[in-house]
Full PDB file with SEQRES, HELIX, SHEET, SSBOND, CRYST1, ORIGX, SCALE, CONECT and MASTER records, all heavy atoms in Angstrom:
SEQRES   1 A   35  VAL ALA ASP ALA VAL LYS GLN TYR ALA VAL ASP LEU VAL          
SEQRES   2 A   35  ASN ALA THR ARG GLU ALA PRO ASP ILE ARG LEU GLY ALA          
SEQRES   3 A   35  SER PRO ARG ALA THR LEU GLN LEU ILE                          
HELIX    1 AA1 ASP A    3  GLU A   18  1                                  16    
HELIX    2 AA2 PRO A   28  LEU A   34  1                                   7    
CRYST1    1.000    1.000    1.000  90.00  90.00  90.00 P 1           1          
ORIGX1      1.000000  0.000000  0.000000        0.00000                         
ORIGX2      0.000000  1.000000  0.000000        0.00000                         
ORIGX3      0.000000  0.000000  1.000000        0.00000                         
SCALE1      1.000000  0.000000  0.000000        0.00000                         
SCALE2      0.000000  1.000000  0.000000        0.00000                         
SCALE3      0.000000  0.000000  1.000000        0.00000                         
ATOM      1  N   VAL A   1      13.578  24.959  14.853  1.00  0.00           N  
ATOM      2  CA  VAL A   1      12.767  24.190  15.795  1.00  0.00           C  
ATOM      3  C   VAL A   1      13.550  23.019  16.354  1.00  0.00           C  
ATOM      4  O   VAL A   1      14.001  22.206  15.604  1.00  0.00           O  
ATOM      5  CB  VAL A   1      11.485  23.597  15.102  1.00  0.00           C  
ATOM      6  CG1 VAL A   1      10.586  22.894  16.097  1.00  0.00           C  
ATOM      7  CG2 VAL A   1      10.671  24.720  14.365  1.00  0.00           C  
ATOM      8  N   ALA A   2      13.841  23.074  17.585  1.00  0.00           N  
ATOM      9  CA  ALA A   2      14.664  22.034  18.271  1.00  0.00           C  
ATOM     10  C   ALA A   2      13.985  20.699  18.323  1.00  0.00           C  
ATOM     11  O   ALA A   2      12.678  20.708  18.311  1.00  0.00           O  
ATOM     12  CB  ALA A   2      15.110  22.564  19.655  1.00  0.00           C  
ATOM     13  N   ASP A   3      14.690  19.669  18.441  1.00  0.00           N  
ATOM     14  CA  ASP A   3      14.079  18.313  18.516  1.00  0.00           C  
ATOM     15  C   ASP A   3      13.184  18.229  19.710  1.00  0.00           C  
ATOM     16  O   ASP A   3      12.153  17.568  19.624  1.00  0.00           O  
ATOM     17  CB  ASP A   3      15.276  17.244  18.652  1.00  0.00           C  
ATOM     18  CG  ASP A   3      15.996  17.138  17.343  1.00  0.00           C  
ATOM     19  OD1 ASP A   3      15.519  17.606  16.253  1.00  0.00           O  
ATOM     20  OD2 ASP A   3      17.208  16.622  17.374  1.00  0.00           O  
ATOM     21  N   ALA A   4      13.462  18.826  20.802  1.00  0.00           N  
ATOM     22  CA  ALA A   4      12.601  18.713  22.070  1.00  0.00           C  
ATOM     23  C   ALA A   4      11.287  19.358  21.733  1.00  0.00           C  
ATOM     24  O   ALA A   4      10.275  18.830  22.226  1.00  0.00           O  
ATOM     25  CB  ALA A   4      13.280  19.385  23.231  1.00  0.00           C  
ATOM     26  N   VAL A   5      11.321  20.447  20.994  1.00  0.00           N  
ATOM     27  CA  VAL A   5       9.988  21.101  20.666  1.00  0.00           C  
ATOM     28  C   VAL A   5       9.237  20.272  19.621  1.00  0.00           C  
ATOM     29  O   VAL A   5       7.992  20.169  19.727  1.00  0.00           O  
ATOM     30  CB  VAL A   5      10.343  22.566  20.122  1.00  0.00           C  
ATOM     31  CG1 VAL A   5       9.008  23.256  19.779  1.00  0.00           C  
ATOM     32  CG2 VAL A   5      11.049  23.317  21.162  1.00  0.00           C  
ATOM     33  N   LYS A   6       9.916  19.667  18.688  1.00  0.00           N  
ATOM     34  CA  LYS A   6       9.224  18.825  17.775  1.00  0.00           C  
ATOM     35  C   LYS A   6       8.598  17.634  18.517  1.00  0.00           C  
ATOM     36  O   LYS A   6       7.425  17.270  18.209  1.00  0.00           O  
ATOM     37  CB  LYS A   6      10.187  18.342  16.707  1.00  0.00           C  
ATOM     38  CG  LYS A   6      10.708  19.342  15.815  1.00  0.00           C  
ATOM     39  CD  LYS A   6      11.768  18.745  14.830  1.00  0.00           C  
ATOM     40  CE  LYS A   6      12.375  19.810  13.903  1.00  0.00           C  
ATOM     41  NZ  LYS A   6      13.448  19.300  13.052  1.00  0.00           N  
ATOM     42  N   GLN A   7       9.304  17.054  19.383  1.00  0.00           N  
ATOM     43  CA  GLN A   7       8.722  15.961  20.170  1.00  0.00           C  
ATOM     44  C   GLN A   7       7.483  16.373  21.060  1.00  0.00           C  
ATOM     45  O   GLN A   7       6.510  15.648  21.066  1.00  0.00           O  
ATOM     46  CB  GLN A   7       9.820  15.349  21.077  1.00  0.00           C  
ATOM     47  CG  GLN A   7       9.351  14.161  21.862  1.00  0.00           C  
ATOM     48  CD  GLN A   7       9.065  12.964  20.927  1.00  0.00           C  
ATOM     49  OE1 GLN A   7       9.843  12.609  20.043  1.00  0.00           O  
ATOM     50  NE2 GLN A   7       7.821  12.430  21.037  1.00  0.00           N  
ATOM     51  N   TYR A   8       7.563  17.637  21.541  1.00  0.00           N  
ATOM     52  CA  TYR A   8       6.414  18.104  22.342  1.00  0.00           C  
ATOM     53  C   TYR A   8       5.230  18.297  21.454  1.00  0.00           C  
ATOM     54  O   TYR A   8       4.099  18.004  21.827  1.00  0.00           O  
ATOM     55  CB  TYR A   8       6.798  19.400  23.021  1.00  0.00           C  
ATOM     56  CG  TYR A   8       5.687  19.969  23.816  1.00  0.00           C  
ATOM     57  CD1 TYR A   8       5.333  19.360  24.996  1.00  0.00           C  
ATOM     58  CD2 TYR A   8       5.133  21.191  23.506  1.00  0.00           C  
ATOM     59  CE1 TYR A   8       4.269  19.898  25.732  1.00  0.00           C  
ATOM     60  CE2 TYR A   8       4.081  21.708  24.218  1.00  0.00           C  
ATOM     61  CZ  TYR A   8       3.612  21.084  25.372  1.00  0.00           C  
ATOM     62  OH  TYR A   8       2.630  21.628  26.150  1.00  0.00           O  
ATOM     63  N   ALA A   9       5.472  18.715  20.189  1.00  0.00           N  
ATOM     64  CA  ALA A   9       4.312  18.889  19.289  1.00  0.00           C  
ATOM     65  C   ALA A   9       3.705  17.500  18.935  1.00  0.00           C  
ATOM     66  O   ALA A   9       2.454  17.428  18.901  1.00  0.00           O  
ATOM     67  CB  ALA A   9       4.837  19.600  17.923  1.00  0.00           C  
ATOM     68  N   VAL A  10       4.535  16.540  18.665  1.00  0.00           N  
ATOM     69  CA  VAL A  10       4.089  15.228  18.378  1.00  0.00           C  
ATOM     70  C   VAL A  10       3.289  14.647  19.594  1.00  0.00           C  
ATOM     71  O   VAL A  10       2.209  14.127  19.431  1.00  0.00           O  
ATOM     72  CB  VAL A  10       5.211  14.282  18.013  1.00  0.00           C  
ATOM     73  CG1 VAL A  10       4.771  12.830  17.953  1.00  0.00           C  
ATOM     74  CG2 VAL A  10       5.798  14.695  16.644  1.00  0.00           C  
ATOM     75  N   ASP A  11       3.834  14.818  20.778  1.00  0.00           N  
ATOM     76  CA  ASP A  11       3.134  14.381  21.947  1.00  0.00           C  
ATOM     77  C   ASP A  11       1.773  15.031  22.171  1.00  0.00           C  
ATOM     78  O   ASP A  11       0.815  14.432  22.579  1.00  0.00           O  
ATOM     79  CB  ASP A  11       4.014  14.591  23.201  1.00  0.00           C  
ATOM     80  CG  ASP A  11       5.307  13.723  23.188  1.00  0.00           C  
ATOM     81  OD1 ASP A  11       5.332  12.800  22.483  1.00  0.00           O  
ATOM     82  OD2 ASP A  11       6.178  14.118  23.962  1.00  0.00           O  
ATOM     83  N   LEU A  12       1.692  16.284  21.911  1.00  0.00           N  
ATOM     84  CA  LEU A  12       0.497  17.062  22.089  1.00  0.00           C  
ATOM     85  C   LEU A  12      -0.553  16.602  21.116  1.00  0.00           C  
ATOM     86  O   LEU A  12      -1.699  16.356  21.489  1.00  0.00           O  
ATOM     87  CB  LEU A  12       0.781  18.562  21.846  1.00  0.00           C  
ATOM     88  CG  LEU A  12      -0.369  19.538  22.106  1.00  0.00           C  
ATOM     89  CD1 LEU A  12      -0.936  19.419  23.449  1.00  0.00           C  
ATOM     90  CD2 LEU A  12       0.103  20.954  21.792  1.00  0.00           C  
ATOM     91  N   VAL A  13      -0.229  16.399  19.879  1.00  0.00           N  
ATOM     92  CA  VAL A  13      -1.186  15.908  18.890  1.00  0.00           C  
ATOM     93  C   VAL A  13      -1.653  14.484  19.139  1.00  0.00           C  
ATOM     94  O   VAL A  13      -2.688  14.150  18.988  1.00  0.00           O  
ATOM     95  CB  VAL A  13      -0.605  16.134  17.447  1.00  0.00           C  
ATOM     96  CG1 VAL A  13      -1.563  15.478  16.447  1.00  0.00           C  
ATOM     97  CG2 VAL A  13      -0.432  17.550  17.097  1.00  0.00           C  
ATOM     98  N   ASN A  14      -0.663  13.673  19.552  1.00  0.00           N  
ATOM     99  CA  ASN A  14      -0.912  12.291  19.884  1.00  0.00           C  
ATOM    100  C   ASN A  14      -1.875  12.155  21.033  1.00  0.00           C  
ATOM    101  O   ASN A  14      -2.650  11.201  21.082  1.00  0.00           O  
ATOM    102  CB  ASN A  14       0.389  11.515  20.084  1.00  0.00           C  
ATOM    103  CG  ASN A  14       0.172  10.047  20.104  1.00  0.00           C  
ATOM    104  OD1 ASN A  14      -0.338   9.410  19.213  1.00  0.00           O  
ATOM    105  ND2 ASN A  14       0.534   9.375  21.278  1.00  0.00           N  
ATOM    106  N   ALA A  15      -1.707  13.132  21.945  1.00  0.00           N  
ATOM    107  CA  ALA A  15      -2.650  13.082  23.155  1.00  0.00           C  
ATOM    108  C   ALA A  15      -4.129  13.263  22.742  1.00  0.00           C  
ATOM    109  O   ALA A  15      -4.979  12.752  23.388  1.00  0.00           O  
ATOM    110  CB  ALA A  15      -2.211  14.185  24.123  1.00  0.00           C  
ATOM    111  N   THR A  16      -4.388  13.982  21.677  1.00  0.00           N  
ATOM    112  CA  THR A  16      -5.754  14.135  21.124  1.00  0.00           C  
ATOM    113  C   THR A  16      -6.301  12.817  20.612  1.00  0.00           C  
ATOM    114  O   THR A  16      -7.570  12.598  20.506  1.00  0.00           O  
ATOM    115  CB  THR A  16      -5.837  15.207  20.064  1.00  0.00           C  
ATOM    116  OG1 THR A  16      -5.182  14.812  18.873  1.00  0.00           O  
ATOM    117  CG2 THR A  16      -5.283  16.487  20.556  1.00  0.00           C  
ATOM    118  N   ARG A  17      -5.383  11.869  20.092  1.00  0.00           N  
ATOM    119  CA  ARG A  17      -5.825  10.690  19.588  1.00  0.00           C  
ATOM    120  C   ARG A  17      -6.097   9.644  20.659  1.00  0.00           C  
ATOM    121  O   ARG A  17      -6.794   8.587  20.471  1.00  0.00           O  
ATOM    122  CB  ARG A  17      -4.760  10.060  18.601  1.00  0.00           C  
ATOM    123  CG  ARG A  17      -4.443  11.098  17.501  1.00  0.00           C  
ATOM    124  CD  ARG A  17      -3.190  10.682  16.724  1.00  0.00           C  
ATOM    125  NE  ARG A  17      -2.784  11.746  15.771  1.00  0.00           N  
ATOM    126  CZ  ARG A  17      -1.570  11.819  15.267  1.00  0.00           C  
ATOM    127  NH1 ARG A  17      -0.617  10.916  15.675  1.00  0.00           N  
ATOM    128  NH2 ARG A  17      -1.264  12.798  14.426  1.00  0.00           N  
ATOM    129  N   GLU A  18      -5.580   9.857  21.918  1.00  0.00           N  
ATOM    130  CA  GLU A  18      -5.743   8.870  22.954  1.00  0.00           C  
ATOM    131  C   GLU A  18      -6.672   9.322  24.015  1.00  0.00           C  
ATOM    132  O   GLU A  18      -7.015   8.599  24.970  1.00  0.00           O  
ATOM    133  CB  GLU A  18      -4.353   8.629  23.574  1.00  0.00           C  
ATOM    134  CG  GLU A  18      -3.333   8.008  22.526  1.00  0.00           C  
ATOM    135  CD  GLU A  18      -1.942   7.844  23.187  1.00  0.00           C  
ATOM    136  OE1 GLU A  18      -1.789   8.345  24.275  1.00  0.00           O  
ATOM    137  OE2 GLU A  18      -1.144   7.199  22.545  1.00  0.00           O  
ATOM    138  N   ALA A  19      -7.131  10.606  24.030  1.00  0.00           N  
ATOM    139  CA  ALA A  19      -7.978  11.137  25.045  1.00  0.00           C  
ATOM    140  C   ALA A  19      -9.312  10.444  25.017  1.00  0.00           C  
ATOM    141  O   ALA A  19      -9.877  10.241  23.981  1.00  0.00           O  
ATOM    142  CB  ALA A  19      -8.138  12.621  24.837  1.00  0.00           C  
ATOM    143  N   PRO A  20      -9.848  10.031  26.192  1.00  0.00           N  
ATOM    144  CA  PRO A  20     -11.179   9.349  26.217  1.00  0.00           C  
ATOM    145  C   PRO A  20     -12.302  10.196  25.804  1.00  0.00           C  
ATOM    146  O   PRO A  20     -13.314   9.632  25.425  1.00  0.00           O  
ATOM    147  CB  PRO A  20     -11.164   8.996  27.723  1.00  0.00           C  
ATOM    148  CG  PRO A  20     -10.358   9.938  28.447  1.00  0.00           C  
ATOM    149  CD  PRO A  20      -9.195  10.213  27.495  1.00  0.00           C  
ATOM    150  N   ASP A  21     -12.171  11.496  25.927  1.00  0.00           N  
ATOM    151  CA  ASP A  21     -13.245  12.405  25.434  1.00  0.00           C  
ATOM    152  C   ASP A  21     -13.287  12.706  23.968  1.00  0.00           C  
ATOM    153  O   ASP A  21     -14.192  13.419  23.492  1.00  0.00           O  
ATOM    154  CB  ASP A  21     -13.188  13.724  26.229  1.00  0.00           C  
ATOM    155  CG  ASP A  21     -13.657  13.535  27.695  1.00  0.00           C  
ATOM    156  OD1 ASP A  21     -14.358  12.494  27.992  1.00  0.00           O  
ATOM    157  OD2 ASP A  21     -13.225  14.373  28.534  1.00  0.00           O  
ATOM    158  N   ILE A  22     -12.305  12.213  23.200  1.00  0.00           N  
ATOM    159  CA  ILE A  22     -12.141  12.579  21.769  1.00  0.00           C  
ATOM    160  C   ILE A  22     -12.407  11.313  20.913  1.00  0.00           C  
ATOM    161  O   ILE A  22     -11.695  10.288  21.109  1.00  0.00           O  
ATOM    162  CB  ILE A  22     -10.838  13.230  21.456  1.00  0.00           C  
ATOM    163  CG1 ILE A  22     -10.660  14.517  22.250  1.00  0.00           C  
ATOM    164  CG2 ILE A  22     -10.682  13.475  20.024  1.00  0.00           C  
ATOM    165  CD1 ILE A  22      -9.321  15.172  22.171  1.00  0.00           C  
ATOM    166  N   ARG A  23     -13.356  11.466  20.000  1.00  0.00           N  
ATOM    167  CA  ARG A  23     -13.600  10.230  19.067  1.00  0.00           C  
ATOM    168  C   ARG A  23     -12.663  10.308  17.912  1.00  0.00           C  
ATOM    169  O   ARG A  23     -12.222   9.216  17.433  1.00  0.00           O  
ATOM    170  CB  ARG A  23     -15.062  10.376  18.596  1.00  0.00           C  
ATOM    171  CG  ARG A  23     -15.491   9.251  17.613  1.00  0.00           C  
ATOM    172  CD  ARG A  23     -16.976   9.211  17.484  1.00  0.00           C  
ATOM    173  NE  ARG A  23     -17.661  10.487  17.085  1.00  0.00           N  
ATOM    174  CZ  ARG A  23     -17.789  10.744  15.897  1.00  0.00           C  
ATOM    175  NH1 ARG A  23     -17.497   9.984  14.852  1.00  0.00           N  
ATOM    176  NH2 ARG A  23     -18.380  11.956  15.540  1.00  0.00           N  
ATOM    177  N   LEU A  24     -12.344  11.465  17.429  1.00  0.00           N  
ATOM    178  CA  LEU A  24     -11.430  11.599  16.216  1.00  0.00           C  
ATOM    179  C   LEU A  24     -10.429  12.611  16.654  1.00  0.00           C  
ATOM    180  O   LEU A  24     -10.697  13.767  16.849  1.00  0.00           O  
ATOM    181  CB  LEU A  24     -12.143  12.071  14.975  1.00  0.00           C  
ATOM    182  CG  LEU A  24     -11.266  12.312  13.730  1.00  0.00           C  
ATOM    183  CD1 LEU A  24     -10.640  10.957  13.267  1.00  0.00           C  
ATOM    184  CD2 LEU A  24     -12.109  12.917  12.633  1.00  0.00           C  
ATOM    185  N   GLY A  25      -9.089  12.135  16.732  1.00  0.00           N  
ATOM    186  CA  GLY A  25      -8.034  12.988  17.088  1.00  0.00           C  
ATOM    187  C   GLY A  25      -7.495  13.868  15.873  1.00  0.00           C  
ATOM    188  O   GLY A  25      -7.926  13.683  14.731  1.00  0.00           O  
ATOM    189  N   ALA A  26      -6.534  14.690  16.122  1.00  0.00           N  
ATOM    190  CA  ALA A  26      -5.866  15.514  15.132  1.00  0.00           C  
ATOM    191  C   ALA A  26      -5.061  14.658  14.195  1.00  0.00           C  
ATOM    192  O   ALA A  26      -4.452  13.682  14.602  1.00  0.00           O  
ATOM    193  CB  ALA A  26      -5.044  16.624  15.723  1.00  0.00           C  
ATOM    194  N   SER A  27      -4.860  15.114  13.004  1.00  0.00           N  
ATOM    195  CA  SER A  27      -4.185  14.386  11.899  1.00  0.00           C  
ATOM    196  C   SER A  27      -2.665  14.778  11.905  1.00  0.00           C  
ATOM    197  O   SER A  27      -2.363  15.800  12.555  1.00  0.00           O  
ATOM    198  CB  SER A  27      -4.775  14.661  10.525  1.00  0.00           C  
ATOM    199  OG  SER A  27      -4.535  16.022  10.211  1.00  0.00           O  
ATOM    200  N   PRO A  28      -1.832  14.052  11.252  1.00  0.00           N  
ATOM    201  CA  PRO A  28      -0.426  14.448  11.016  1.00  0.00           C  
ATOM    202  C   PRO A  28      -0.306  15.831  10.341  1.00  0.00           C  
ATOM    203  O   PRO A  28       0.637  16.528  10.582  1.00  0.00           O  
ATOM    204  CB  PRO A  28       0.143  13.330  10.154  1.00  0.00           C  
ATOM    205  CG  PRO A  28      -0.693  12.111  10.464  1.00  0.00           C  
ATOM    206  CD  PRO A  28      -2.118  12.591  10.677  1.00  0.00           C  
ATOM    207  N   ARG A  29      -1.328  16.119   9.510  1.00  0.00           N  
ATOM    208  CA  ARG A  29      -1.326  17.525   8.874  1.00  0.00           C  
ATOM    209  C   ARG A  29      -1.395  18.546  10.031  1.00  0.00           C  
ATOM    210  O   ARG A  29      -0.766  19.631   9.857  1.00  0.00           O  
ATOM    211  CB  ARG A  29      -2.467  17.624   7.911  1.00  0.00           C  
ATOM    212  CG  ARG A  29      -2.470  18.990   7.211  1.00  0.00           C  
ATOM    213  CD  ARG A  29      -3.803  19.233   6.466  1.00  0.00           C  
ATOM    214  NE  ARG A  29      -3.842  18.443   5.259  1.00  0.00           N  
ATOM    215  CZ  ARG A  29      -4.829  17.591   4.995  1.00  0.00           C  
ATOM    216  NH1 ARG A  29      -5.770  17.375   5.848  1.00  0.00           N  
ATOM    217  NH2 ARG A  29      -4.839  16.904   3.887  1.00  0.00           N  
ATOM    218  N   ALA A  30      -2.116  18.284  11.034  1.00  0.00           N  
ATOM    219  CA  ALA A  30      -2.219  19.234  12.152  1.00  0.00           C  
ATOM    220  C   ALA A  30      -0.902  19.445  12.812  1.00  0.00           C  
ATOM    221  O   ALA A  30      -0.545  20.597  13.230  1.00  0.00           O  
ATOM    222  CB  ALA A  30      -3.252  18.679  13.192  1.00  0.00           C  
ATOM    223  N   THR A  31      -0.082  18.353  12.976  1.00  0.00           N  
ATOM    224  CA  THR A  31       1.249  18.517  13.509  1.00  0.00           C  
ATOM    225  C   THR A  31       2.125  19.456  12.736  1.00  0.00           C  
ATOM    226  O   THR A  31       2.810  20.341  13.216  1.00  0.00           O  
ATOM    227  CB  THR A  31       1.905  17.117  13.769  1.00  0.00           C  
ATOM    228  OG1 THR A  31       0.939  16.208  14.239  1.00  0.00           O  
ATOM    229  CG2 THR A  31       3.116  17.266  14.620  1.00  0.00           C  
ATOM    230  N   LEU A  32       2.087  19.208  11.404  1.00  0.00           N  
ATOM    231  CA  LEU A  32       2.872  20.115  10.493  1.00  0.00           C  
ATOM    232  C   LEU A  32       2.372  21.566  10.611  1.00  0.00           C  
ATOM    233  O   LEU A  32       3.263  22.422  10.681  1.00  0.00           O  
ATOM    234  CB  LEU A  32       2.766  19.615   9.096  1.00  0.00           C  
ATOM    235  CG  LEU A  32       3.435  18.286   8.747  1.00  0.00           C  
ATOM    236  CD1 LEU A  32       2.953  17.781   7.265  1.00  0.00           C  
ATOM    237  CD2 LEU A  32       4.871  18.367   8.772  1.00  0.00           C  
ATOM    238  N   GLN A  33       1.088  21.790  10.560  1.00  0.00           N  
ATOM    239  CA  GLN A  33       0.692  23.157  10.605  1.00  0.00           C  
ATOM    240  C   GLN A  33       0.894  23.771  11.939  1.00  0.00           C  
ATOM    241  O   GLN A  33       0.997  25.055  12.057  1.00  0.00           O  
ATOM    242  CB  GLN A  33      -0.802  23.146  10.157  1.00  0.00           C  
ATOM    243  CG  GLN A  33      -0.973  22.738   8.758  1.00  0.00           C  
ATOM    244  CD  GLN A  33      -2.426  22.979   8.151  1.00  0.00           C  
ATOM    245  OE1 GLN A  33      -3.298  23.210   8.898  1.00  0.00           O  
ATOM    246  NE2 GLN A  33      -2.482  22.833   6.832  1.00  0.00           N  
ATOM    247  N   LEU A  34       0.844  23.030  12.989  1.00  0.00           N  
ATOM    248  CA  LEU A  34       1.137  23.596  14.357  1.00  0.00           C  
ATOM    249  C   LEU A  34       2.606  24.044  14.406  1.00  0.00           C  
ATOM    250  O   LEU A  34       2.907  25.201  14.886  1.00  0.00           O  
ATOM    251  CB  LEU A  34       0.947  22.464  15.374  1.00  0.00           C  
ATOM    252  CG  LEU A  34       1.188  22.877  16.905  1.00  0.00           C  
ATOM    253  CD1 LEU A  34       0.208  23.967  17.257  1.00  0.00           C  
ATOM    254  CD2 LEU A  34       1.032  21.722  17.771  1.00  0.00           C  
ATOM    255  N   ILE A  35       3.532  23.302  13.884  1.00  0.00           N  
ATOM    256  CA  ILE A  35       4.929  23.720  13.835  1.00  0.00           C  
ATOM    257  C   ILE A  35       5.107  24.938  12.864  1.00  0.00           C  
ATOM    258  O   ILE A  35       5.829  25.897  13.206  1.00  0.00           O  
ATOM    259  CB  ILE A  35       5.867  22.583  13.313  1.00  0.00           C  
ATOM    260  CG1 ILE A  35       5.899  21.523  14.429  1.00  0.00           C  
ATOM    261  CG2 ILE A  35       7.263  22.988  12.966  1.00  0.00           C  
ATOM    262  CD1 ILE A  35       6.627  21.961  15.693  1.00  0.00           C  
TER     263      ILE A  35                                                      
MASTER        0    0    0    2    0    0    0    6  262    1    0    3          
END                                                                             
């Protein structure tokens, strides 16, 4: 897993925590399991 792909995974999960339509975003466990 290249660094660019890891960063994309982090950005994707972090976007769920900042989205206005989401009250509870995905956890760091979700990032690990996504990878």
